[in-house]
Amino acid sequence: MSLKSCFLWLQTVRCGGRVVYSTCSISPLENDQVVSKAIALLQDQMHISIGSYPQQMLREPIKLPSEPIELPLEPIKLPSEPFRASASLAELLHQVGAEPTKHGIIVLPDKAGSGPMYVCLLLKS
């Protein structure tokens, strides 16, 4: 089922689009191997690459402010540009012990106290 879903999402998303493949499985058979098989099955039809952003967040050191942050009194306007993970997400991934895998990242229950959670970013071009 996971391979079929991943395959269909990659066929459906437009060129330049992204697919986030995520499971609540600890098994590489349902995680990285599904991604590898989907890419292999589609290689003659389209170009799929693995986004490195989730793994980059694990490599980058977390910079916490040395002074308390003052919150603005007025409402915060959401940016019009595409979503980008915040430092708080990167910090959370570090706190729960997220680990890189071949194609994505995984959070394991023995470190996080919940999970598992696997995430991979796929880019279609």
N, C-alpha and C. Protein backbone atom coordinates (compact mmCIF):
# COMPACT_ATOMS: atom_id res chain seq x y z
N MET A 1 0.82 -1.20 0.00
CA MET A 1 0.00 0.00 0.00
C MET A 1 0.86 1.26 0.00
N SER A 2 1.93 1.29 0.78
CA SER A 2 2.78 2.48 0.85
C SER A 2 3.44 2.77 -0.48
N LEU A 3 3.95 1.73 -1.16
CA LEU A 3 4.58 1.92 -2.46
C LEU A 3 3.57 2.46 -3.47
N LYS A 4 2.38 1.89 -3.48
CA LYS A 4 1.35 2.34 -4.41
C LYS A 4 1.00 3.81 -4.16
N SER A 5 0.86 4.18 -2.89
CA SER A 5 0.53 5.57 -2.54
C SER A 5 1.64 6.52 -2.97
N CYS A 6 2.87 6.19 -2.64
CA CYS A 6 4.01 7.03 -3.00
C CYS A 6 4.10 7.17 -4.52
N PHE A 7 3.92 6.07 -5.24
CA PHE A 7 3.96 6.05 -6.69
C PHE A 7 2.88 6.98 -7.27
N LEU A 8 1.66 6.89 -6.74
CA LEU A 8 0.56 7.72 -7.23
C LEU A 8 0.78 9.20 -6.94
N TRP A 9 1.29 9.51 -5.75
CA TRP A 9 1.55 10.92 -5.40
C TRP A 9 2.60 11.52 -6.33
N LEU A 10 3.65 10.73 -6.62
CA LEU A 10 4.70 11.24 -7.50
C LEU A 10 4.19 11.43 -8.93
N GLN A 11 3.28 10.58 -9.37
CA GLN A 11 2.70 10.75 -10.70
C GLN A 11 1.75 11.95 -10.75
N THR A 12 1.08 12.22 -9.66
CA THR A 12 0.07 13.27 -9.61
C THR A 12 0.66 14.67 -9.46
N VAL A 13 1.70 14.83 -8.68
CA VAL A 13 2.25 16.15 -8.43
C VAL A 13 2.86 16.72 -9.72
N ARG A 14 2.70 18.01 -9.92
CA ARG A 14 3.22 18.65 -11.13
C ARG A 14 4.75 18.75 -11.06
N CYS A 15 5.38 18.96 -12.21
CA CYS A 15 6.83 19.18 -12.24
C CYS A 15 7.16 20.42 -11.42
N GLY A 16 8.19 20.32 -10.63
CA GLY A 16 8.55 21.39 -9.70
C GLY A 16 7.89 21.22 -8.35
N GLY A 17 7.00 20.23 -8.23
CA GLY A 17 6.29 19.99 -6.99
C GLY A 17 7.07 19.10 -6.03
N ARG A 18 6.54 19.00 -4.83
CA ARG A 18 7.17 18.22 -3.77
C ARG A 18 6.17 17.25 -3.17
N VAL A 19 6.69 16.10 -2.76
CA VAL A 19 5.89 15.11 -2.05
C VAL A 19 6.61 14.81 -0.75
N VAL A 20 5.91 14.91 0.36
CA VAL A 20 6.46 14.49 1.64
C VAL A 20 5.93 13.09 1.90
N TYR A 21 6.84 12.13 1.92
CA TYR A 21 6.47 10.75 2.22
C TYR A 21 6.78 10.52 3.69
N SER A 22 5.79 10.15 4.45
CA SER A 22 5.95 9.98 5.89
C SER A 22 5.19 8.74 6.35
N THR A 23 5.79 8.01 7.27
CA THR A 23 5.13 6.84 7.85
C THR A 23 5.30 6.86 9.36
N CYS A 24 4.57 5.98 10.01
CA CYS A 24 4.76 5.76 11.44
C CYS A 24 5.32 4.35 11.63
N SER A 25 6.27 4.00 10.77
CA SER A 25 6.88 2.67 10.79
C SER A 25 8.36 2.77 11.11
N ILE A 26 8.87 1.78 11.79
CA ILE A 26 10.29 1.69 12.09
C ILE A 26 11.03 0.88 11.02
N SER A 27 10.28 0.19 10.16
CA SER A 27 10.84 -0.74 9.18
C SER A 27 11.40 -0.02 7.95
N PRO A 28 12.66 -0.27 7.61
CA PRO A 28 13.20 0.28 6.36
C PRO A 28 12.43 -0.20 5.13
N LEU A 29 11.77 -1.35 5.23
CA LEU A 29 10.96 -1.85 4.11
C LEU A 29 9.82 -0.89 3.77
N GLU A 30 9.30 -0.20 4.77
CA GLU A 30 8.18 0.73 4.56
C GLU A 30 8.65 2.18 4.44
N ASN A 31 9.93 2.41 4.64
CA ASN A 31 10.45 3.78 4.63
C ASN A 31 11.37 3.98 3.42
N ASP A 32 12.67 3.92 3.63
CA ASP A 32 13.63 4.18 2.56
C ASP A 32 13.47 3.25 1.37
N GLN A 33 13.12 1.99 1.60
CA GLN A 33 13.00 1.06 0.48
C GLN A 33 11.79 1.38 -0.40
N VAL A 34 10.72 1.88 0.18
CA VAL A 34 9.56 2.33 -0.62
C VAL A 34 9.99 3.49 -1.50
N VAL A 35 10.72 4.44 -0.95
CA VAL A 35 11.19 5.60 -1.71
C VAL A 35 12.10 5.13 -2.86
N SER A 36 13.04 4.25 -2.56
CA SER A 36 13.95 3.74 -3.59
C SER A 36 13.19 3.03 -4.71
N LYS A 37 12.23 2.20 -4.35
CA LYS A 37 11.45 1.46 -5.36
C LYS A 37 10.60 2.41 -6.20
N ALA A 38 9.98 3.40 -5.58
CA ALA A 38 9.15 4.35 -6.34
C ALA A 38 10.00 5.12 -7.34
N ILE A 39 11.17 5.56 -6.93
CA ILE A 39 12.07 6.29 -7.83
C ILE A 39 12.50 5.38 -8.98
N ALA A 40 12.85 4.13 -8.66
CA ALA A 40 13.28 3.19 -9.69
C ALA A 40 12.15 2.91 -10.70
N LEU A 41 10.94 2.76 -10.22
CA LEU A 41 9.80 2.49 -11.11
C LEU A 41 9.48 3.66 -12.02
N LEU A 42 9.75 4.87 -11.57
CA LEU A 42 9.39 6.07 -12.33
C LEU A 42 10.55 6.69 -13.10
N GLN A 43 11.75 6.12 -12.99
CA GLN A 43 12.93 6.77 -13.57
C GLN A 43 12.85 6.98 -15.08
N ASP A 44 12.11 6.15 -15.79
CA ASP A 44 11.97 6.32 -17.24
C ASP A 44 10.90 7.35 -17.61
N GLN A 45 10.05 7.73 -16.64
CA GLN A 45 8.94 8.65 -16.92
C GLN A 45 9.20 10.07 -16.43
N MET A 46 9.99 10.22 -15.38
CA MET A 46 10.20 11.54 -14.78
C MET A 46 11.46 11.53 -13.93
N HIS A 47 11.92 12.73 -13.57
CA HIS A 47 13.09 12.83 -12.70
C HIS A 47 12.62 13.13 -11.27
N ILE A 48 12.98 12.25 -10.36
CA ILE A 48 12.65 12.43 -8.94
C ILE A 48 13.96 12.50 -8.18
N SER A 49 14.11 13.50 -7.33
CA SER A 49 15.29 13.58 -6.48
C SER A 49 14.86 13.65 -5.02
N ILE A 50 15.80 13.36 -4.16
CA ILE A 50 15.54 13.38 -2.71
C ILE A 50 15.93 14.76 -2.18
N GLY A 51 15.01 15.41 -1.51
CA GLY A 51 15.32 16.69 -0.88
C GLY A 51 16.17 16.47 0.36
N SER A 52 17.18 17.28 0.53
CA SER A 52 18.10 17.10 1.67
C SER A 52 17.73 17.95 2.87
N TYR A 53 16.69 18.77 2.76
CA TYR A 53 16.39 19.72 3.84
C TYR A 53 16.14 19.06 5.20
N PRO A 54 15.35 17.96 5.29
CA PRO A 54 15.18 17.36 6.62
C PRO A 54 16.50 16.92 7.25
N GLN A 55 17.40 16.35 6.46
CA GLN A 55 18.69 15.92 7.00
C GLN A 55 19.58 17.11 7.32
N GLN A 56 19.48 18.19 6.55
CA GLN A 56 20.27 19.39 6.84
C GLN A 56 19.93 19.95 8.22
N MET A 57 18.66 19.87 8.60
CA MET A 57 18.27 20.38 9.91
C MET A 57 18.95 19.61 11.03
N LEU A 58 19.26 18.33 10.80
CA LEU A 58 19.93 17.54 11.83
C LEU A 58 21.41 17.91 11.94
N ARG A 59 22.01 18.36 10.84
CA ARG A 59 23.44 18.68 10.85
C ARG A 59 23.73 20.09 11.37
N GLU A 60 22.77 20.98 11.23
CA GLU A 60 23.00 22.37 11.61
C GLU A 60 22.89 22.53 13.12
N PRO A 61 23.85 23.25 13.71
CA PRO A 61 23.74 23.49 15.15
C PRO A 61 22.57 24.42 15.46
N ILE A 62 21.98 24.21 16.59
CA ILE A 62 20.86 25.03 17.02
C ILE A 62 21.40 26.27 17.72
N LYS A 63 20.97 27.44 17.28
CA LYS A 63 21.39 28.69 17.89
C LYS A 63 20.23 29.25 18.70
N LEU A 64 20.36 29.22 19.98
CA LEU A 64 19.32 29.77 20.85
C LEU A 64 19.69 31.18 21.26
N PRO A 65 18.73 32.08 21.38
CA PRO A 65 19.04 33.45 21.77
C PRO A 65 19.56 33.50 23.20
N SER A 66 20.52 34.41 23.44
CA SER A 66 21.07 34.54 24.78
C SER A 66 20.18 35.42 25.67
N GLU A 67 19.36 36.24 25.06
CA GLU A 67 18.46 37.14 25.78
C GLU A 67 17.02 36.69 25.57
N PRO A 68 16.13 36.99 26.52
CA PRO A 68 14.71 36.66 26.29
C PRO A 68 14.17 37.39 25.06
N ILE A 69 13.28 36.76 24.36
CA ILE A 69 12.69 37.35 23.16
C ILE A 69 11.43 38.12 23.55
N GLU A 70 11.35 39.36 23.09
CA GLU A 70 10.15 40.16 23.33
C GLU A 70 9.17 39.93 22.20
N LEU A 71 7.95 39.59 22.54
CA LEU A 71 6.93 39.36 21.53
C LEU A 71 6.29 40.67 21.12
N PRO A 72 5.98 40.85 19.83
CA PRO A 72 5.34 42.09 19.39
C PRO A 72 3.92 42.17 19.93
N LEU A 73 3.45 43.40 20.12
CA LEU A 73 2.10 43.61 20.62
C LEU A 73 1.05 43.45 19.52
N GLU A 74 1.43 43.70 18.28
CA GLU A 74 0.48 43.58 17.18
C GLU A 74 0.48 42.15 16.64
N PRO A 75 -0.58 41.76 15.95
CA PRO A 75 -0.62 40.41 15.38
C PRO A 75 0.51 40.21 14.36
N ILE A 76 1.02 39.02 14.31
CA ILE A 76 2.09 38.69 13.37
C ILE A 76 1.46 38.33 12.03
N LYS A 77 1.97 38.91 10.94
CA LYS A 77 1.48 38.58 9.60
C LYS A 77 2.26 37.38 9.09
N LEU A 78 1.55 36.41 8.55
CA LEU A 78 2.20 35.24 7.98
C LEU A 78 2.88 35.61 6.67
N PRO A 79 4.07 35.07 6.40
CA PRO A 79 4.75 35.40 5.15
C PRO A 79 4.02 34.81 3.95
N SER A 80 4.15 35.48 2.82
CA SER A 80 3.51 34.99 1.60
C SER A 80 4.38 33.98 0.87
N GLU A 81 5.66 33.87 1.26
CA GLU A 81 6.55 32.91 0.59
C GLU A 81 6.28 31.50 1.10
N PRO A 82 6.78 30.48 0.40
CA PRO A 82 6.53 29.09 0.81
C PRO A 82 7.01 28.81 2.23
N PHE A 83 6.36 27.85 2.86
CA PHE A 83 6.71 27.46 4.24
C PHE A 83 8.16 27.02 4.32
N ARG A 84 8.84 27.47 5.34
CA ARG A 84 10.20 27.02 5.64
C ARG A 84 10.21 26.61 7.11
N ALA A 85 10.86 25.49 7.39
CA ALA A 85 10.89 24.99 8.76
C ALA A 85 11.58 26.02 9.65
N SER A 86 11.05 26.22 10.81
CA SER A 86 11.62 27.20 11.73
C SER A 86 12.71 26.57 12.56
N ALA A 87 13.47 27.41 13.26
CA ALA A 87 14.51 26.89 14.14
C ALA A 87 13.89 26.02 15.23
N SER A 88 12.64 26.32 15.60
CA SER A 88 12.01 25.51 16.64
C SER A 88 11.76 24.09 16.16
N LEU A 89 11.49 23.90 14.87
CA LEU A 89 11.34 22.54 14.34
C LEU A 89 12.67 21.81 14.37
N ALA A 90 13.74 22.49 13.94
CA ALA A 90 15.07 21.88 13.98
C ALA A 90 15.45 21.54 15.43
N GLU A 91 15.13 22.44 16.34
CA GLU A 91 15.43 22.19 17.75
C GLU A 91 14.65 20.98 18.26
N LEU A 92 13.38 20.88 17.87
CA LEU A 92 12.56 19.75 18.27
C LEU A 92 13.13 18.43 17.74
N LEU A 93 13.55 18.42 16.49
CA LEU A 93 14.14 17.21 15.92
C LEU A 93 15.38 16.78 16.69
N HIS A 94 16.19 17.74 17.10
CA HIS A 94 17.37 17.42 17.92
C HIS A 94 16.96 16.87 19.29
N GLN A 95 15.97 17.49 19.89
CA GLN A 95 15.53 17.08 21.22
C GLN A 95 14.98 15.67 21.24
N VAL A 96 14.30 15.26 20.19
CA VAL A 96 13.71 13.92 20.16
C VAL A 96 14.67 12.88 19.57
N GLY A 97 15.88 13.30 19.25
CA GLY A 97 16.89 12.36 18.78
C GLY A 97 16.66 11.86 17.37
N ALA A 98 16.11 12.70 16.49
CA ALA A 98 15.92 12.30 15.09
C ALA A 98 17.25 11.91 14.48
N GLU A 99 17.21 10.88 13.64
CA GLU A 99 18.42 10.35 13.01
C GLU A 99 18.25 10.36 11.50
N PRO A 100 19.36 10.61 10.76
CA PRO A 100 19.26 10.53 9.30
C PRO A 100 19.16 9.07 8.85
N THR A 101 18.45 8.85 7.76
CA THR A 101 18.39 7.55 7.11
C THR A 101 18.94 7.75 5.69
N LYS A 102 18.85 6.74 4.86
CA LYS A 102 19.36 6.85 3.49
C LYS A 102 18.70 8.01 2.74
N HIS A 103 17.38 8.15 2.87
CA HIS A 103 16.66 9.17 2.11
C HIS A 103 15.99 10.24 2.96
N GLY A 104 15.85 10.05 4.25
CA GLY A 104 15.11 11.01 5.07
C GLY A 104 15.61 11.04 6.49
N ILE A 105 14.67 11.18 7.41
CA ILE A 105 14.99 11.15 8.84
C ILE A 105 13.97 10.27 9.55
N ILE A 106 14.37 9.76 10.71
CA ILE A 106 13.46 8.94 11.51
C ILE A 106 13.58 9.34 12.97
N VAL A 107 12.44 9.36 13.65
CA VAL A 107 12.38 9.57 15.09
C VAL A 107 11.96 8.23 15.69
N LEU A 108 12.78 7.72 16.58
CA LEU A 108 12.53 6.40 17.17
C LEU A 108 11.93 6.52 18.56
N PRO A 109 11.03 5.59 18.92
CA PRO A 109 10.33 5.69 20.20
C PRO A 109 11.24 5.58 21.43
N ASP A 110 12.34 4.86 21.32
CA ASP A 110 13.21 4.71 22.50
C ASP A 110 13.90 6.02 22.86
N LYS A 111 14.02 6.95 21.91
CA LYS A 111 14.64 8.25 22.18
C LYS A 111 13.62 9.35 22.41
N ALA A 112 12.52 9.27 21.66
CA ALA A 112 11.53 10.36 21.69
C ALA A 112 10.42 10.14 22.71
N GLY A 113 10.21 8.88 23.12
CA GLY A 113 9.10 8.60 24.02
C GLY A 113 7.79 8.42 23.28
N SER A 114 7.82 8.62 21.97
CA SER A 114 6.66 8.37 21.12
C SER A 114 7.19 8.12 19.71
N GLY A 115 6.30 7.76 18.83
CA GLY A 115 6.75 7.47 17.47
C GLY A 115 6.61 6.00 17.18
N PRO A 116 7.22 5.53 16.15
CA PRO A 116 8.22 6.16 15.29
C PRO A 116 7.58 7.10 14.26
N MET A 117 8.45 7.91 13.63
CA MET A 117 8.02 8.79 12.56
C MET A 117 9.16 8.88 11.55
N TYR A 118 8.85 8.57 10.31
CA TYR A 118 9.81 8.67 9.20
C TYR A 118 9.33 9.76 8.25
N VAL A 119 10.26 10.59 7.75
CA VAL A 119 9.91 11.66 6.82
C VAL A 119 10.97 11.74 5.72
N CYS A 120 10.49 11.83 4.47
CA CYS A 120 11.36 12.00 3.31
C CYS A 120 10.72 13.03 2.39
N LEU A 121 11.54 13.93 1.86
CA LEU A 121 11.07 14.95 0.92
C LEU A 121 11.50 14.55 -0.47
N LEU A 122 10.53 14.43 -1.38
CA LEU A 122 10.80 14.05 -2.78
C LEU A 122 10.48 15.24 -3.68
N LEU A 123 11.36 15.52 -4.63
CA LEU A 123 11.21 16.64 -5.54
C LEU A 123 11.03 16.11 -6.96
N LYS A 124 10.02 16.59 -7.66
CA LYS A 124 9.78 16.15 -9.04
C LYS A 124 10.19 17.28 -9.99
N SER A 125 11.05 16.92 -10.95
CA SER A 125 11.47 17.95 -11.93
C SER A 125 11.40 17.38 -13.34
